[in-house]
PDB file of N, CA and C in Angstrom:
ATOM      1  N   MET A   1      21.463   1.614  -3.207  1.00  0.00           N
ATOM      2  CA  MET A   1      21.403   0.608  -4.387  1.00  0.00           C
ATOM      3  C   MET A   1      21.024  -0.524  -3.551  1.00  0.00           C
ATOM      4  N   THR A   2      21.155  -0.880  -2.295  1.00  0.00           N
ATOM      5  CA  THR A   2      20.915  -2.551  -2.021  1.00  0.00           C
ATOM      6  C   THR A   2      19.768  -2.425  -1.814  1.00  0.00           C
ATOM      7  N   TYR A   3      18.966  -1.229  -0.723  1.00  0.00           N
ATOM      8  CA  TYR A   3      17.137  -1.391  -0.791  1.00  0.00           C
ATOM      9  C   TYR A   3      16.469  -1.727  -1.837  1.00  0.00           C
ATOM     10  N   LEU A   4      17.233  -0.985  -2.892  1.00  0.00           N
ATOM     11  CA  LEU A   4      16.506  -0.865  -4.232  1.00  0.00           C
ATOM     12  C   LEU A   4      16.303  -2.254  -4.897  1.00  0.00           C
ATOM     13  N   ARG A   5      17.791  -2.799  -4.846  1.00  0.00           N
ATOM     14  CA  ARG A   5      17.831  -4.191  -5.649  1.00  0.00           C
ATOM     15  C   ARG A   5      16.702  -5.696  -4.763  1.00  0.00           C
ATOM     16  N   ARG A   6      16.984  -5.262  -2.635  1.00  0.00           N
ATOM     17  CA  ARG A   6      16.107  -6.227  -1.604  1.00  0.00           C
ATOM     18  C   ARG A   6      14.522  -5.627  -2.691  1.00  0.00           C
ATOM     19  N   ILE A   7      13.458  -4.103  -2.926  1.00  0.00           N
ATOM     20  CA  ILE A   7      12.611  -4.134  -3.104  1.00  0.00           C
ATOM     21  C   ILE A   7      12.443  -5.271  -4.828  1.00  0.00           C
ATOM     22  N   GLU A   8      13.382  -4.806  -5.360  1.00  0.00           N
ATOM     23  CA  GLU A   8      12.952  -5.172  -6.949  1.00  0.00           C
ATOM     24  C   GLU A   8      13.147  -6.771  -6.763  1.00  0.00           C
ATOM     25  N   LEU A   9      14.411  -7.470  -5.414  1.00  0.00           N
ATOM     26  CA  LEU A   9      14.046  -9.444  -5.991  1.00  0.00           C
ATOM     27  C   LEU A   9      12.249  -9.586  -5.238  1.00  0.00           C
ATOM     28  N   LYS A  10      12.603  -8.484  -3.756  1.00  0.00           N
ATOM     29  CA  LYS A  10      10.548  -8.436  -2.814  1.00  0.00           C
ATOM     30  C   LYS A  10       8.898  -8.383  -4.324  1.00  0.00           C
ATOM     31  N   LEU A  11       8.929  -7.314  -5.181  1.00  0.00           N
ATOM     32  CA  LEU A  11       8.197  -7.642  -5.903  1.00  0.00           C
ATOM     33  C   LEU A  11       8.942  -8.479  -7.616  1.00  0.00           C
ATOM     34  N   LYS A  12       9.626  -8.900  -7.331  1.00  0.00           N
ATOM     35  CA  LYS A  12       9.864 -10.027  -8.496  1.00  0.00           C
ATOM     36  C   LYS A  12       8.945 -11.694  -8.375  1.00  0.00           C
ATOM     37  N   ALA A  13       9.787 -11.985  -6.843  1.00  0.00           N
ATOM     38  CA  ALA A  13       8.951 -13.178  -6.073  1.00  0.00           C
ATOM     39  C   ALA A  13       7.706 -13.022  -6.672  1.00  0.00           C
ATOM     40  N   ALA A  14       6.982 -11.757  -6.199  1.00  0.00           N
ATOM     41  CA  ALA A  14       5.220 -11.537  -6.005  1.00  0.00           C
ATOM     42  C   ALA A  14       4.552 -11.422  -7.919  1.00  0.00           C
ATOM     43  N   GLY A  15       5.782 -11.730  -8.734  1.00  0.00           N
ATOM     44  CA  GLY A  15       4.777 -11.596  -9.588  1.00  0.00           C
ATOM     45  C   GLY A  15       4.916  -9.951 -10.381  1.00  0.00           C
ATOM     46  N   ILE A  16       5.264  -9.068  -9.858  1.00  0.00           N
ATOM     47  CA  ILE A  16       5.277  -8.002 -10.359  1.00  0.00           C
ATOM     48  C   ILE A  16       6.291  -7.676 -11.528  1.00  0.00           C
ATOM     49  N   GLN A  17       6.047  -6.675 -12.692  1.00  0.00           N
ATOM     50  CA  GLN A  17       7.464  -7.261 -13.608  1.00  0.00           C
ATOM     51  C   GLN A  17       7.251  -5.820 -13.884  1.00  0.00           C
ATOM     52  N   ARG A  18       7.612  -4.937 -12.742  1.00  0.00           N
ATOM     53  CA  ARG A  18       8.196  -3.511 -13.081  1.00  0.00           C
ATOM     54  C   ARG A  18       9.369  -2.803 -12.749  1.00  0.00           C
ATOM     55  N   SER A  19       9.871  -1.846 -13.185  1.00  0.00           N
ATOM     56  CA  SER A  19      11.338  -1.468 -13.003  1.00  0.00           C
ATOM     57  C   SER A  19      10.826  -0.900 -11.250  1.00  0.00           C
ATOM     58  N   VAL A  20      11.698  -0.937 -10.063  1.00  0.00           N
ATOM     59  CA  VAL A  20      11.620  -0.661  -8.724  1.00  0.00           C
ATOM     60  C   VAL A  20      11.773   0.941  -9.159  1.00  0.00           C
ATOM     61  N   GLU A  21      12.187   1.398  -9.917  1.00  0.00           N
ATOM     62  CA  GLU A  21      12.061   3.434 -10.020  1.00  0.00           C
ATOM     63  C   GLU A  21      10.856   3.322 -10.168  1.00  0.00           C
ATOM     64  N   ASP A  22       9.995   3.172 -11.649  1.00  0.00           N
ATOM     65  CA  ASP A  22       8.366   3.045 -11.626  1.00  0.00           C
ATOM     66  C   ASP A  22       7.538   3.305 -10.456  1.00  0.00           C
ATOM     67  N   VAL A  23       7.635   2.005  -9.812  1.00  0.00           N
ATOM     68  CA  VAL A  23       7.093   1.464  -8.378  1.00  0.00           C
ATOM     69  C   VAL A  23       7.208   2.638  -7.513  1.00  0.00           C
ATOM     70  N   MET A  24       8.505   2.454  -7.542  1.00  0.00           N
ATOM     71  CA  MET A  24       8.818   3.846  -5.976  1.00  0.00           C
ATOM     72  C   MET A  24       8.412   4.879  -6.121  1.00  0.00           C
ATOM     73  N   ASP A  25       8.742   5.794  -8.053  1.00  0.00           N
ATOM     74  CA  ASP A  25       7.554   6.579  -8.688  1.00  0.00           C
ATOM     75  C   ASP A  25       5.890   6.294  -8.220  1.00  0.00           C
ATOM     76  N   ASP A  26       5.383   5.351  -8.406  1.00  0.00           N
ATOM     77  CA  ASP A  26       3.960   5.297  -7.784  1.00  0.00           C
ATOM     78  C   ASP A  26       3.748   5.526  -6.628  1.00  0.00           C
ATOM     79  N   MET A  27       4.747   5.123  -5.811  1.00  0.00           N
ATOM     80  CA  MET A  27       4.485   5.184  -3.995  1.00  0.00           C
ATOM     81  C   MET A  27       4.649   5.952  -3.341  1.00  0.00           C
ATOM     82  N   ARG A  28       5.812   6.694  -4.290  1.00  0.00           N
ATOM     83  CA  ARG A  28       5.501   8.445  -3.698  1.00  0.00           C
ATOM     84  C   ARG A  28       4.356   9.083  -3.759  1.00  0.00           C
ATOM     85  N   HIS A  29       3.337   8.615  -4.483  1.00  0.00           N
ATOM     86  CA  HIS A  29       2.378   9.261  -4.774  1.00  0.00           C
ATOM     87  C   HIS A  29       1.144   8.327  -3.956  1.00  0.00           C
ATOM     88  N   PHE A  30       1.397   7.656  -2.935  1.00  0.00           N
ATOM     89  CA  PHE A  30       0.479   7.129  -2.361  1.00  0.00           C
ATOM     90  C   PHE A  30       0.780   7.763  -1.046  1.00  0.00           C
ATOM     91  N   HIS A  31      -0.496   8.648  -0.575  1.00  0.00           N
ATOM     92  CA  HIS A  31      -0.412   9.620   0.166  1.00  0.00           C
ATOM     93  C   HIS A  31      -1.546   9.503   1.547  1.00  0.00           C
ATOM     94  N   SER A  32      -1.257  10.552   2.892  1.00  0.00           N
ATOM     95  CA  SER A  32      -2.590  10.096   3.732  1.00  0.00           C
ATOM     96  C   SER A  32      -3.148  11.280   4.208  1.00  0.00           C
ATOM     97  N   VAL A  33      -4.730  11.353   4.196  1.00  0.00           N
ATOM     98  CA  VAL A  33      -4.940  12.691   4.371  1.00  0.00           C
ATOM     99  C   VAL A  33      -5.855  12.643   5.942  1.00  0.00           C
ATOM    100  N   LEU A  34      -5.997  13.326   6.376  1.00  0.00           N
ATOM    101  CA  LEU A  34      -6.450  14.486   7.377  1.00  0.00           C
ATOM    102  C   LEU A  34      -7.821  13.912   7.002  1.00  0.00           C
ATOM    103  N   MET A  35      -8.864  13.842   7.942  1.00  0.00           N
ATOM    104  CA  MET A  35     -10.224  13.485   7.974  1.00  0.00           C
ATOM    105  C   MET A  35     -10.797  13.816   9.678  1.00  0.00           C
ATOM    106  N   LEU A  36     -11.972  14.550  10.182  1.00  0.00           N
ATOM    107  CA  LEU A  36     -12.037  15.489  10.750  1.00  0.00           C
ATOM    108  C   LEU A  36     -13.767  15.069  10.822  1.00  0.00           C
ATOM    109  N   SER A  37     -13.510  14.243  11.853  1.00  0.00           N
ATOM    110  CA  SER A  37     -15.470  13.758  11.976  1.00  0.00           C
ATOM    111  C   SER A  37     -16.407  15.231  12.549  1.00  0.00           C
ATOM    112  N   ASN A  38     -17.486  15.123  12.776  1.00  0.00           N
ATOM    113  CA  ASN A  38     -18.112  15.828  12.962  1.00  0.00           C
ATOM    114  C   ASN A  38     -18.226  16.090  14.678  1.00  0.00           C
ATOM    115  N   ASN A  39     -17.770  15.417  15.424  1.00  0.00           N
ATOM    116  CA  ASN A  39     -18.160  15.796  16.809  1.00  0.00           C
ATOM    117  C   ASN A  39     -16.055  15.508  17.438  1.00  0.00           C
ATOM    118  N   ALA A  40     -14.993  15.377  16.576  1.00  0.00           N
ATOM    119  CA  ALA A  40     -13.965  15.269  16.958  1.00  0.00           C
ATOM    120  C   ALA A  40     -13.656  16.507  17.167  1.00  0.00           C
ATOM    121  N   ARG A  41     -12.260  16.320  17.705  1.00  0.00           N
ATOM    122  CA  ARG A  41     -11.730  17.535  18.018  1.00  0.00           C
ATOM    123  C   ARG A  41     -10.580  17.842  16.804  1.00  0.00           C
ATOM    124  N   LYS A  42      -9.647  15.993  17.220  1.00  0.00           N
ATOM    125  CA  LYS A  42      -8.143  15.935  16.516  1.00  0.00           C
ATOM    126  C   LYS A  42      -8.827  15.556  14.778  1.00  0.00           C
ATOM    127  N   PRO A  43      -7.400  15.985  14.256  1.00  0.00           N
ATOM    128  CA  PRO A  43      -8.466  15.116  12.981  1.00  0.00           C
ATOM    129  C   PRO A  43      -7.658  13.376  13.236  1.00  0.00           C
ATOM    130  N   LYS A  44      -8.215  12.674  11.638  1.00  0.00           N
ATOM    131  CA  LYS A  44      -7.542  11.329  12.057  1.00  0.00           C
ATOM    132  C   LYS A  44      -6.908  11.015  10.606  1.00  0.00           C
ATOM    133  N   ARG A  45      -5.474  10.125  11.195  1.00  0.00           N
ATOM    134  CA  ARG A  45      -4.864   9.958  10.116  1.00  0.00           C
ATOM    135  C   ARG A  45      -5.087   9.064   8.999  1.00  0.00           C
ATOM    136  N   CYS A  46      -5.841   9.477   8.067  1.00  0.00           N
ATOM    137  CA  CYS A  46      -5.857   7.691   7.163  1.00  0.00           C
ATOM    138  C   CYS A  46      -5.077   7.886   5.615  1.00  0.00           C
ATOM    139  N   LEU A  47      -5.050   6.483   5.109  1.00  0.00           N
ATOM    140  CA  LEU A  47      -4.770   6.426   3.892  1.00  0.00           C
ATOM    141  C   LEU A  47      -5.466   6.604   2.684  1.00  0.00           C
ATOM    142  N   GLU A  48      -5.249   7.318   1.266  1.00  0.00           N
ATOM    143  CA  GLU A  48      -5.516   6.930   0.424  1.00  0.00           C
ATOM    144  C   GLU A  48      -5.914   5.900   0.074  1.00  0.00           C
ATOM    145  N   ILE A  49      -7.074   5.957  -1.401  1.00  0.00           N
ATOM    146  CA  ILE A  49      -7.665   4.321  -1.688  1.00  0.00           C
ATOM    147  C   ILE A  49      -6.316   3.969  -2.455  1.00  0.00           C
ATOM    148  N   PRO A  50      -6.068   3.085  -2.324  1.00  0.00           N
ATOM    149  CA  PRO A  50      -4.559   2.690  -3.618  1.00  0.00           C
ATOM    150  C   PRO A  50      -4.999   2.676  -5.051  1.00  0.00           C
ATOM    151  N   THR A  51      -4.067   2.694  -5.593  1.00  0.00           N
ATOM    152  CA  THR A  51      -4.148   2.222  -7.171  1.00  0.00           C
ATOM    153  C   THR A  51      -4.060   0.665  -7.140  1.00  0.00           C
ATOM    154  N   LYS A  52      -4.191   0.537  -7.971  1.00  0.00           N
ATOM    155  CA  LYS A  52      -4.130  -1.181  -8.088  1.00  0.00           C
ATOM    156  C   LYS A  52      -2.503  -1.509  -8.614  1.00  0.00           C
ATOM    157  N   THR A  53      -1.915  -1.024  -9.206  1.00  0.00           N
ATOM    158  CA  THR A  53      -0.426  -0.940  -9.037  1.00  0.00           C
ATOM    159  C   THR A  53       0.386  -0.638  -7.647  1.00  0.00           C
ATOM    160  N   GLN A  54      -0.147   0.045  -6.451  1.00  0.00           N
ATOM    161  CA  GLN A  54      -0.210   0.463  -5.066  1.00  0.00           C
ATOM    162  C   GLN A  54      -0.600  -0.578  -4.171  1.00  0.00           C
ATOM    163  N   ALA A  55      -2.143  -1.105  -4.384  1.00  0.00           N
ATOM    164  CA  ALA A  55      -2.048  -2.014  -3.812  1.00  0.00           C
ATOM    165  C   ALA A  55      -1.209  -3.635  -3.677  1.00  0.00           C
ATOM    166  N   GLU A  56      -0.730  -4.092  -5.093  1.00  0.00           N
ATOM    167  CA  GLU A  56      -0.165  -4.582  -5.684  1.00  0.00           C
ATOM    168  C   GLU A  56       1.522  -4.606  -4.706  1.00  0.00           C
ATOM    169  N   VAL A  57       1.409  -3.382  -4.217  1.00  0.00           N
ATOM    170  CA  VAL A  57       2.940  -3.412  -3.993  1.00  0.00           C
ATOM    171  C   VAL A  57       2.755  -3.846  -2.357  1.00  0.00           C
ATOM    172  N   LEU A  58       2.020  -3.188  -1.743  1.00  0.00           N
ATOM    173  CA  LEU A  58       1.366  -3.328  -0.705  1.00  0.00           C
ATOM    174  C   LEU A  58       1.109  -4.606  -0.333  1.00  0.00           C
ATOM    175  N   SER A  59       0.440  -5.012  -1.225  1.00  0.00           N
ATOM    176  CA  SER A  59       0.360  -6.706  -1.203  1.00  0.00           C
ATOM    177  C   SER A  59       1.647  -7.983  -0.882  1.00  0.00           C
ATOM    178  N   ALA A  60       2.742  -7.299  -1.777  1.00  0.00           N
ATOM    179  CA  ALA A  60       4.197  -7.599  -1.932  1.00  0.00           C
ATOM    180  C   ALA A  60       4.675  -8.114  -0.625  1.00  0.00           C
ATOM    181  N   PHE A  61       4.610  -7.060  -0.027  1.00  0.00           N
ATOM    182  CA  PHE A  61       5.079  -6.864   1.150  1.00  0.00           C
ATOM    183  C   PHE A  61       4.478  -7.183   2.338  1.00  0.00           C
ATOM    184  N   GLY A  62       3.237  -7.928   2.179  1.00  0.00           N
ATOM    185  CA  GLY A  62       2.256  -8.445   3.215  1.00  0.00           C
ATOM    186  C   GLY A  62       1.651  -7.651   3.526  1.00  0.00           C
ATOM    187  N   HIS A  63       0.830  -6.383   3.169  1.00  0.00           N
ATOM    188  CA  HIS A  63       0.119  -5.416   3.692  1.00  0.00           C
ATOM    189  C   HIS A  63      -1.170  -4.932   2.910  1.00  0.00           C
ATOM    190  N   TYR A  64      -2.152  -3.899   3.409  1.00  0.00           N
ATOM    191  CA  TYR A  64      -3.413  -3.670   2.400  1.00  0.00           C
ATOM    192  C   TYR A  64      -3.883  -2.529   3.770  1.00  0.00           C
ATOM    193  N   VAL A  65      -4.935  -2.088   2.632  1.00  0.00           N
ATOM    194  CA  VAL A  65      -5.486  -0.893   3.099  1.00  0.00           C
ATOM    195  C   VAL A  65      -7.081  -0.835   3.322  1.00  0.00           C
ATOM    196  N   ASP A  66      -7.692  -1.295   4.762  1.00  0.00           N
ATOM    197  CA  ASP A  66      -8.824  -1.580   4.107  1.00  0.00           C
ATOM    198  C   ASP A  66      -9.942  -0.271   3.684  1.00  0.00           C
ATOM    199  N   ASP A  67     -11.192  -0.806   3.565  1.00  0.00           N
ATOM    200  CA  ASP A  67     -12.605   0.433   3.540  1.00  0.00           C
ATOM    201  C   ASP A  67     -12.090   1.926   4.534  1.00  0.00           C
ATOM    202  N   GLY A  68     -11.336   2.030   5.417  1.00  0.00           N
ATOM    203  CA  GLY A  68     -11.418   3.247   6.056  1.00  0.00           C
ATOM    204  C   GLY A  68      -9.643   3.528   5.854  1.00  0.00           C
ATOM    205  N   GLY A  69      -8.748   3.037   5.103  1.00  0.00           N
ATOM    206  CA  GLY A  69      -7.960   4.144   5.236  1.00  0.00           C
ATOM    207  C   GLY A  69      -7.102   3.277   5.850  1.00  0.00           C
ATOM    208  N   VAL A  70      -7.364   2.790   6.422  1.00  0.00           N
ATOM    209  CA  VAL A  70      -5.944   1.666   7.846  1.00  0.00           C
ATOM    210  C   VAL A  70      -5.012   0.821   6.617  1.00  0.00           C
ATOM    211  N   LEU A  71      -3.951   0.880   7.119  1.00  0.00           N
ATOM    212  CA  LEU A  71      -3.354  -0.023   7.201  1.00  0.00           C
ATOM    213  C   LEU A  71      -3.119  -1.870   7.900  1.00  0.00           C
ATOM    214  N   HIS A  72      -2.742  -2.245   7.143  1.00  0.00           N
ATOM    215  CA  HIS A  72      -3.117  -3.829   8.013  1.00  0.00           C
ATOM    216  C   HIS A  72      -2.102  -4.375   7.721  1.00  0.00           C
ATOM    217  N   THR A  73      -1.387  -5.802   8.293  1.00  0.00           N
ATOM    218  CA  THR A  73      -0.378  -6.264   7.852  1.00  0.00           C
ATOM    219  C   THR A  73      -1.775  -7.676   7.125  1.00  0.00           C
ATOM    220  N   ALA A  74      -0.770  -8.148   6.331  1.00  0.00           N
ATOM    221  CA  ALA A  74      -2.154  -9.182   5.866  1.00  0.00           C
ATOM    222  C   ALA A  74      -1.295  -9.989   6.483  1.00  0.00           C
ATOM    223  N   ASP A  75      -2.592 -11.030   7.959  1.00  0.00           N
ATOM    224  CA  ASP A  75      -2.046 -12.265   8.235  1.00  0.00           C
ATOM    225  C   ASP A  75      -2.227 -13.667   7.769  1.00  0.00           C
ATOM    226  N   ARG A  76      -3.592 -13.124   6.636  1.00  0.00           N
ATOM    227  CA  ARG A  76      -4.013 -14.541   6.109  1.00  0.00           C
ATOM    228  C   ARG A  76      -4.138 -14.365   4.788  1.00  0.00           C
ATOM    229  N   PRO A  77      -4.522 -15.296   3.367  1.00  0.00           N
ATOM    230  CA  PRO A  77      -4.067 -14.983   2.189  1.00  0.00           C
ATOM    231  C   PRO A  77      -4.989 -14.011   2.195  1.00  0.00           C
ATOM    232  N   SER A  78      -6.861 -14.411   2.553  1.00  0.00           N
ATOM    233  CA  SER A  78      -7.532 -13.936   2.259  1.00  0.00           C
ATOM    234  C   SER A  78      -7.796 -12.250   2.391  1.00  0.00           C
ATOM    235  N   MET A  79      -7.462 -12.104   3.225  1.00  0.00           N
ATOM    236  CA  MET A  79      -7.100 -10.815   3.256  1.00  0.00           C
ATOM    237  C   MET A  79      -6.585  -9.777   1.922  1.00  0.00           C
ATOM    238  N   LEU A  80      -5.966 -10.654   1.320  1.00  0.00           N
ATOM    239  CA  LEU A  80      -4.917  -9.684   0.200  1.00  0.00           C
ATOM    240  C   LEU A  80      -5.290  -9.982  -0.507  1.00  0.00           C
ATOM    241  N   ALA A  81      -6.571 -10.355  -1.014  1.00  0.00           N
ATOM    242  CA  ALA A  81      -7.849 -10.402  -1.785  1.00  0.00           C
ATOM    243  C   ALA A  81      -8.547  -9.398  -1.210  1.00  0.00           C
ATOM    244  N   LEU A  82      -9.019  -8.631  -0.448  1.00  0.00           N
ATOM    245  CA  LEU A  82      -9.386  -7.477  -0.010  1.00  0.00           C
ATOM    246  C   LEU A  82      -9.054  -5.731  -0.423  1.00  0.00           C
ATOM    247  N   SER A  83      -7.534  -6.039  -0.486  1.00  0.00           N
ATOM    248  CA  SER A  83      -6.823  -4.524  -1.025  1.00  0.00           C
ATOM    249  C   SER A  83      -6.757  -4.627  -2.808  1.00  0.00           C
ATOM    250  N   LEU A  84      -7.107  -5.473  -3.273  1.00  0.00           N
ATOM    251  CA  LEU A  84      -6.968  -5.487  -4.867  1.00  0.00           C
ATOM    252  C   LEU A  84      -8.244  -4.900  -5.586  1.00  0.00           C
ATOM    253  N   PRO A  85      -8.782  -3.895  -6.060  1.00  0.00           N
ATOM    254  CA  PRO A  85     -10.021  -3.580  -6.399  1.00  0.00           C
ATOM    255  C   PRO A  85     -10.223  -4.480  -7.627  1.00  0.00           C
TER     256      PRO A  85
END
């Protein structure tokens, strides 16, 4: 329960007014996919495009997913804007 409270406090500090249960349920649906390019022998694991809520949660924790499906640390404030559609 302590980790849920810590998540809830982090989300409230970022201005996200949803219950932690709803957020956790939404993040459970944030999947990775395997992609195989034409000449590759091994698949590449990428993340799905996050929903608006998922992007807000990632942003609250200092991360974003780029257009290629790669998770990055948002070290600059301008990068946070890229994650929100």
